[in-house]
């Protein structure tokens, strides 16, 4: 069984991952809406899409790492 500090660190990292996922999705949706309304060039919109994709990939990698660490401790 994991000790309290280990569990607390994992819980904190889980909250960060969740915040990144939710924040990225919200910012991306607002950027898509604003970009369409303001006529932002496509190359900037692609840059926003790539940044959102990078954030989601990072969150997935960290989430899988947390899952594997929890699985290995059991």
N, C-alpha and C. Protein backbone atom coordinates (compact mmCIF):
# COMPACT_ATOMS: atom_id res chain seq x y z
N UNK A 1 0.84 -1.18 0.00
CA UNK A 1 0.00 0.00 0.00
C UNK A 1 0.88 1.24 0.00
N UNK A 2 0.48 2.28 -0.72
CA UNK A 2 1.26 3.51 -0.84
C UNK A 2 1.19 4.30 0.46
N UNK A 3 2.30 4.95 0.78
CA UNK A 3 2.30 5.79 1.97
C UNK A 3 1.56 7.09 1.68
N UNK A 4 1.27 7.83 2.74
CA UNK A 4 0.48 9.05 2.59
C UNK A 4 1.14 10.09 1.69
N UNK A 5 2.46 10.35 1.83
CA UNK A 5 3.06 11.35 0.93
C UNK A 5 3.03 10.91 -0.54
N UNK A 6 3.22 9.61 -0.81
CA UNK A 6 3.16 9.12 -2.18
C UNK A 6 1.76 9.29 -2.75
N UNK A 7 0.77 8.96 -1.95
CA UNK A 7 -0.61 9.09 -2.40
C UNK A 7 -0.95 10.56 -2.64
N UNK A 8 -0.46 11.44 -1.78
CA UNK A 8 -0.73 12.86 -1.92
C UNK A 8 -0.09 13.42 -3.19
N UNK A 9 1.12 12.97 -3.50
CA UNK A 9 1.80 13.43 -4.72
C UNK A 9 1.06 12.94 -5.96
N UNK A 10 0.62 11.70 -5.94
CA UNK A 10 -0.12 11.15 -7.08
C UNK A 10 -1.45 11.87 -7.25
N UNK A 11 -2.10 12.18 -6.15
CA UNK A 11 -3.38 12.89 -6.22
C UNK A 11 -3.16 14.30 -6.78
N UNK A 12 -2.10 14.95 -6.37
CA UNK A 12 -1.81 16.29 -6.88
C UNK A 12 -1.51 16.25 -8.37
N UNK A 13 -0.73 15.27 -8.80
CA UNK A 13 -0.43 15.15 -10.22
C UNK A 13 -1.68 14.82 -11.03
N UNK A 14 -2.57 14.03 -10.45
CA UNK A 14 -3.83 13.71 -11.12
C UNK A 14 -4.68 14.97 -11.30
N UNK A 15 -4.70 15.82 -10.27
CA UNK A 15 -5.45 17.07 -10.39
C UNK A 15 -4.83 17.98 -11.44
N UNK A 16 -3.51 18.02 -11.53
CA UNK A 16 -2.85 18.82 -12.56
C UNK A 16 -3.22 18.31 -13.95
N UNK A 17 -3.18 17.00 -14.13
CA UNK A 17 -3.54 16.41 -15.43
C UNK A 17 -4.98 16.75 -15.79
N UNK A 18 -5.88 16.61 -14.85
CA UNK A 18 -7.28 16.96 -15.10
C UNK A 18 -7.45 18.44 -15.44
N UNK A 19 -6.74 19.29 -14.73
CA UNK A 19 -6.80 20.72 -15.02
C UNK A 19 -6.27 21.06 -16.39
N UNK A 20 -5.19 20.39 -16.78
CA UNK A 20 -4.62 20.63 -18.12
C UNK A 20 -5.61 20.19 -19.20
N UNK A 21 -6.24 19.05 -19.01
CA UNK A 21 -7.19 18.56 -20.00
C UNK A 21 -8.38 19.51 -20.13
N UNK A 22 -8.97 19.88 -19.02
CA UNK A 22 -10.14 20.77 -19.05
C UNK A 22 -9.74 22.15 -19.56
N UNK A 23 -8.64 22.69 -19.05
CA UNK A 23 -8.19 24.01 -19.49
C UNK A 23 -7.86 24.06 -20.96
N UNK A 24 -7.18 23.03 -21.45
CA UNK A 24 -6.84 22.98 -22.86
C UNK A 24 -8.09 22.92 -23.72
N UNK A 25 -9.04 22.10 -23.34
CA UNK A 25 -10.28 21.98 -24.12
C UNK A 25 -11.03 23.31 -24.15
N UNK A 26 -11.14 23.98 -23.02
CA UNK A 26 -11.86 25.25 -22.97
C UNK A 26 -11.14 26.33 -23.79
N UNK A 27 -9.84 26.44 -23.60
CA UNK A 27 -9.08 27.45 -24.34
C UNK A 27 -9.14 27.17 -25.84
N UNK A 28 -9.05 25.90 -26.22
CA UNK A 28 -9.11 25.55 -27.63
C UNK A 28 -10.47 25.92 -28.24
N UNK A 29 -11.55 25.61 -27.51
CA UNK A 29 -12.88 25.95 -28.03
C UNK A 29 -13.07 27.46 -28.18
N UNK A 30 -12.62 28.22 -27.19
CA UNK A 30 -12.72 29.68 -27.27
C UNK A 30 -11.88 30.20 -28.42
N UNK A 31 -10.68 29.66 -28.59
CA UNK A 31 -9.80 30.09 -29.68
C UNK A 31 -10.42 29.78 -31.05
N UNK A 32 -11.07 28.63 -31.17
CA UNK A 32 -11.71 28.29 -32.44
C UNK A 32 -12.86 29.25 -32.74
N UNK A 33 -13.66 29.53 -31.74
CA UNK A 33 -14.78 30.45 -31.92
C UNK A 33 -14.29 31.85 -32.25
N UNK A 34 -13.33 32.34 -31.45
CA UNK A 34 -12.81 33.69 -31.67
C UNK A 34 -12.06 33.79 -33.00
N UNK A 35 -11.32 32.77 -33.34
CA UNK A 35 -10.59 32.78 -34.60
C UNK A 35 -11.50 32.87 -35.80
N UNK A 36 -12.61 32.16 -35.75
CA UNK A 36 -13.57 32.21 -36.85
C UNK A 36 -14.24 33.58 -36.93
N UNK A 37 -14.57 34.15 -35.78
CA UNK A 37 -15.23 35.47 -35.76
C UNK A 37 -14.29 36.59 -36.17
N UNK A 38 -13.02 36.50 -35.77
CA UNK A 38 -12.08 37.58 -36.03
C UNK A 38 -11.31 37.41 -37.33
N UNK A 39 -11.47 36.29 -37.98
CA UNK A 39 -10.77 36.05 -39.24
C UNK A 39 -9.28 35.83 -39.08
N UNK A 40 -8.91 35.10 -38.04
CA UNK A 40 -7.50 34.79 -37.79
C UNK A 40 -7.00 33.89 -38.92
N UNK A 41 -5.79 34.16 -39.44
CA UNK A 41 -5.26 33.32 -40.53
C UNK A 41 -5.17 31.85 -40.13
N UNK A 42 -5.30 31.00 -41.13
CA UNK A 42 -5.31 29.55 -40.90
C UNK A 42 -4.01 29.08 -40.25
N UNK A 43 -2.89 29.66 -40.62
CA UNK A 43 -1.62 29.20 -40.05
C UNK A 43 -1.57 29.42 -38.54
N UNK A 44 -2.21 30.47 -38.02
CA UNK A 44 -2.28 30.69 -36.58
C UNK A 44 -3.23 29.70 -35.92
N UNK A 45 -4.31 29.38 -36.61
CA UNK A 45 -5.25 28.42 -36.05
C UNK A 45 -4.63 27.02 -35.97
N UNK A 46 -3.81 26.70 -36.98
CA UNK A 46 -3.10 25.41 -36.95
C UNK A 46 -2.12 25.39 -35.79
N UNK A 47 -1.47 26.51 -35.52
CA UNK A 47 -0.55 26.59 -34.39
C UNK A 47 -1.30 26.37 -33.07
N UNK A 48 -2.48 26.95 -32.95
CA UNK A 48 -3.30 26.74 -31.75
C UNK A 48 -3.70 25.27 -31.63
N UNK A 49 -4.08 24.66 -32.75
CA UNK A 49 -4.45 23.24 -32.74
C UNK A 49 -3.27 22.37 -32.30
N UNK A 50 -2.08 22.68 -32.81
CA UNK A 50 -0.89 21.89 -32.45
C UNK A 50 -0.53 22.06 -30.98
N UNK A 51 -0.68 23.27 -30.47
CA UNK A 51 -0.41 23.50 -29.05
C UNK A 51 -1.39 22.72 -28.18
N UNK A 52 -2.67 22.71 -28.56
CA UNK A 52 -3.67 21.95 -27.82
C UNK A 52 -3.38 20.46 -27.90
N UNK A 53 -2.98 20.00 -29.06
CA UNK A 53 -2.65 18.59 -29.22
C UNK A 53 -1.45 18.21 -28.36
N UNK A 54 -0.44 19.08 -28.31
CA UNK A 54 0.73 18.81 -27.48
C UNK A 54 0.35 18.73 -26.00
N UNK A 55 -0.52 19.62 -25.55
CA UNK A 55 -0.97 19.58 -24.15
C UNK A 55 -1.73 18.30 -23.85
N UNK A 56 -2.57 17.86 -24.77
CA UNK A 56 -3.32 16.62 -24.57
C UNK A 56 -2.40 15.40 -24.58
N UNK A 57 -1.41 15.39 -25.44
CA UNK A 57 -0.46 14.28 -25.48
C UNK A 57 0.32 14.24 -24.17
N UNK A 58 0.76 15.41 -23.68
CA UNK A 58 1.48 15.46 -22.40
C UNK A 58 0.60 14.91 -21.29
N UNK A 59 -0.66 15.34 -21.25
CA UNK A 59 -1.57 14.86 -20.21
C UNK A 59 -1.77 13.35 -20.29
N UNK A 60 -1.86 12.83 -21.50
CA UNK A 60 -2.04 11.39 -21.67
C UNK A 60 -0.80 10.63 -21.18
N UNK A 61 0.37 11.12 -21.52
CA UNK A 61 1.60 10.46 -21.09
C UNK A 61 1.71 10.45 -19.57
N UNK A 62 1.42 11.58 -18.93
CA UNK A 62 1.48 11.65 -17.47
C UNK A 62 0.41 10.76 -16.85
N UNK A 63 -0.79 10.75 -17.42
CA UNK A 63 -1.86 9.91 -16.88
C UNK A 63 -1.51 8.43 -16.97
N UNK A 64 -0.93 8.02 -18.08
CA UNK A 64 -0.51 6.61 -18.21
C UNK A 64 0.60 6.30 -17.22
N UNK A 65 1.51 7.24 -17.01
CA UNK A 65 2.56 7.04 -16.01
C UNK A 65 1.99 6.88 -14.61
N UNK A 66 1.00 7.69 -14.27
CA UNK A 66 0.35 7.57 -12.96
C UNK A 66 -0.37 6.23 -12.83
N UNK A 67 -1.06 5.83 -13.89
CA UNK A 67 -1.78 4.56 -13.87
C UNK A 67 -0.81 3.39 -13.69
N UNK A 68 0.31 3.42 -14.43
CA UNK A 68 1.28 2.34 -14.32
C UNK A 68 1.94 2.31 -12.94
N UNK A 69 2.22 3.48 -12.37
CA UNK A 69 2.83 3.53 -11.04
C UNK A 69 1.86 2.96 -9.99
N UNK A 70 0.59 3.30 -10.11
CA UNK A 70 -0.39 2.77 -9.17
C UNK A 70 -0.55 1.27 -9.33
N UNK A 71 -0.54 0.80 -10.58
CA UNK A 71 -0.69 -0.63 -10.85
C UNK A 71 0.51 -1.41 -10.32
N UNK A 72 1.72 -0.85 -10.46
CA UNK A 72 2.92 -1.54 -10.00
C UNK A 72 3.02 -1.63 -8.49
N UNK A 73 2.41 -0.67 -7.78
CA UNK A 73 2.47 -0.66 -6.32
C UNK A 73 1.51 -1.67 -5.71
N UNK A 74 0.51 -2.11 -6.46
CA UNK A 74 -0.49 -3.04 -5.91
C UNK A 74 0.01 -4.45 -5.88
